[in-house]
Amino acid sequence: MRTGRRSQAERDEITVEIGYALLSACFLGAVVFAVIAGPVVVWQFSSAVNTFLLVAGASVAGVLGAVRVVHVLWRHARQHR
């Protein structure tokens, strides 16, 4: 673990890495949500099934997005030890 001050290049690097983690998490979340909740747009289901698919899609997308952010940032931290 580092105790000294970080250089501007190191601060810029972590800023870019955080941006990448968030952007890739949003993309992953959007794709997963579209795959799970997409059939609601295409087919006619009951309102209970529609609600279930929308909630399930949002839940899984949110969890996978959070896991993606943590994974990217942990990998970045491991590479710079």
Protein backbone atom coordinates (compact mmCIF):
# COMPACT_ATOMS: atom_id res chain seq x y z
CA MET A 1 0.00 0.00 0.00
CA ARG A 2 1.27 3.41 -0.92
CA THR A 3 1.55 6.17 1.69
CA GLY A 4 2.98 9.07 -0.33
CA ARG A 5 1.21 11.58 -2.52
CA ARG A 6 0.05 10.51 -5.94
CA SER A 7 1.32 12.20 -9.07
CA GLN A 8 -1.02 13.89 -11.52
CA ALA A 9 -0.54 11.00 -13.95
CA GLU A 10 -1.62 8.49 -11.29
CA ARG A 11 -4.70 10.55 -10.43
CA ASP A 12 -5.60 10.84 -14.11
CA GLU A 13 -5.11 7.09 -14.54
CA ILE A 14 -7.52 6.19 -11.74
CA THR A 15 -10.04 8.74 -13.05
CA VAL A 16 -9.97 7.10 -16.47
CA GLU A 17 -10.24 3.66 -14.88
CA ILE A 18 -13.29 4.70 -12.85
CA GLY A 19 -14.88 6.15 -15.98
CA TYR A 20 -14.21 2.92 -17.87
CA ALA A 21 -15.65 0.85 -15.03
CA LEU A 22 -18.84 2.92 -14.92
CA LEU A 23 -19.28 3.02 -18.69
CA SER A 24 -18.75 -0.72 -19.13
CA ALA A 25 -21.12 -1.40 -16.21
CA CYS A 26 -23.82 0.76 -17.82
CA PHE A 27 -23.38 -1.03 -21.13
CA LEU A 28 -23.52 -4.45 -19.46
CA GLY A 29 -26.60 -3.41 -17.48
CA ALA A 30 -28.38 -2.15 -20.59
CA VAL A 31 -27.68 -5.35 -22.52
CA VAL A 32 -28.77 -7.60 -19.66
CA PHE A 33 -31.93 -5.55 -19.08
CA ALA A 34 -32.77 -5.68 -22.79
CA VAL A 35 -32.30 -9.45 -22.90
CA ILE A 36 -34.46 -10.12 -19.83
CA ALA A 37 -37.14 -7.44 -20.26
CA GLY A 38 -37.10 -7.28 -24.05
CA PRO A 39 -39.80 -9.90 -24.59
CA VAL A 40 -42.27 -7.52 -22.92
CA VAL A 41 -42.02 -5.27 -25.97
CA VAL A 42 -42.31 -8.09 -28.50
CA TRP A 43 -45.00 -10.38 -27.04
CA GLN A 44 -48.24 -9.87 -25.15
CA PHE A 45 -47.97 -11.19 -21.58
CA SER A 46 -50.16 -10.70 -18.56
CA SER A 47 -49.42 -7.67 -16.41
CA ALA A 48 -47.92 -9.91 -13.69
CA VAL A 49 -45.43 -11.42 -16.14
CA ASN A 50 -44.62 -7.97 -17.57
CA THR A 51 -43.94 -6.63 -14.08
CA PHE A 52 -41.85 -9.66 -13.16
CA LEU A 53 -39.70 -9.39 -16.29
CA LEU A 54 -39.14 -5.66 -15.81
CA VAL A 55 -38.24 -6.02 -12.12
CA ALA A 56 -36.05 -9.07 -12.77
CA GLY A 57 -34.27 -7.30 -15.62
CA ALA A 58 -33.61 -4.19 -13.56
CA SER A 59 -32.45 -6.21 -10.55
CA VAL A 60 -30.07 -8.46 -12.45
CA ALA A 61 -28.74 -5.53 -14.49
CA GLY A 62 -28.07 -3.51 -11.33
CA VAL A 63 -26.29 -6.34 -9.56
CA LEU A 64 -24.16 -7.23 -12.58
CA GLY A 65 -23.31 -3.55 -13.11
CA ALA A 66 -22.10 -3.24 -9.52
CA VAL A 67 -20.09 -6.46 -9.83
CA ARG A 68 -18.51 -5.12 -13.04
CA VAL A 69 -17.41 -1.88 -11.36
CA VAL A 70 -15.88 -3.74 -8.42
CA HIS A 71 -14.14 -6.24 -10.71
CA VAL A 72 -12.58 -3.57 -12.93
CA LEU A 73 -11.36 -1.47 -10.00
CA TRP A 74 -9.97 -4.47 -8.10
CA ARG A 75 -8.14 -5.64 -11.21
CA HIS A 76 -6.67 -2.17 -11.66
CA ALA A 77 -5.55 -2.07 -8.02
CA ARG A 78 -3.90 -5.51 -8.31
CA GLN A 79 -1.96 -4.49 -11.42
CA HIS A 80 -0.48 -1.46 -9.65
CA ARG A 81 0.85 -3.11 -6.52
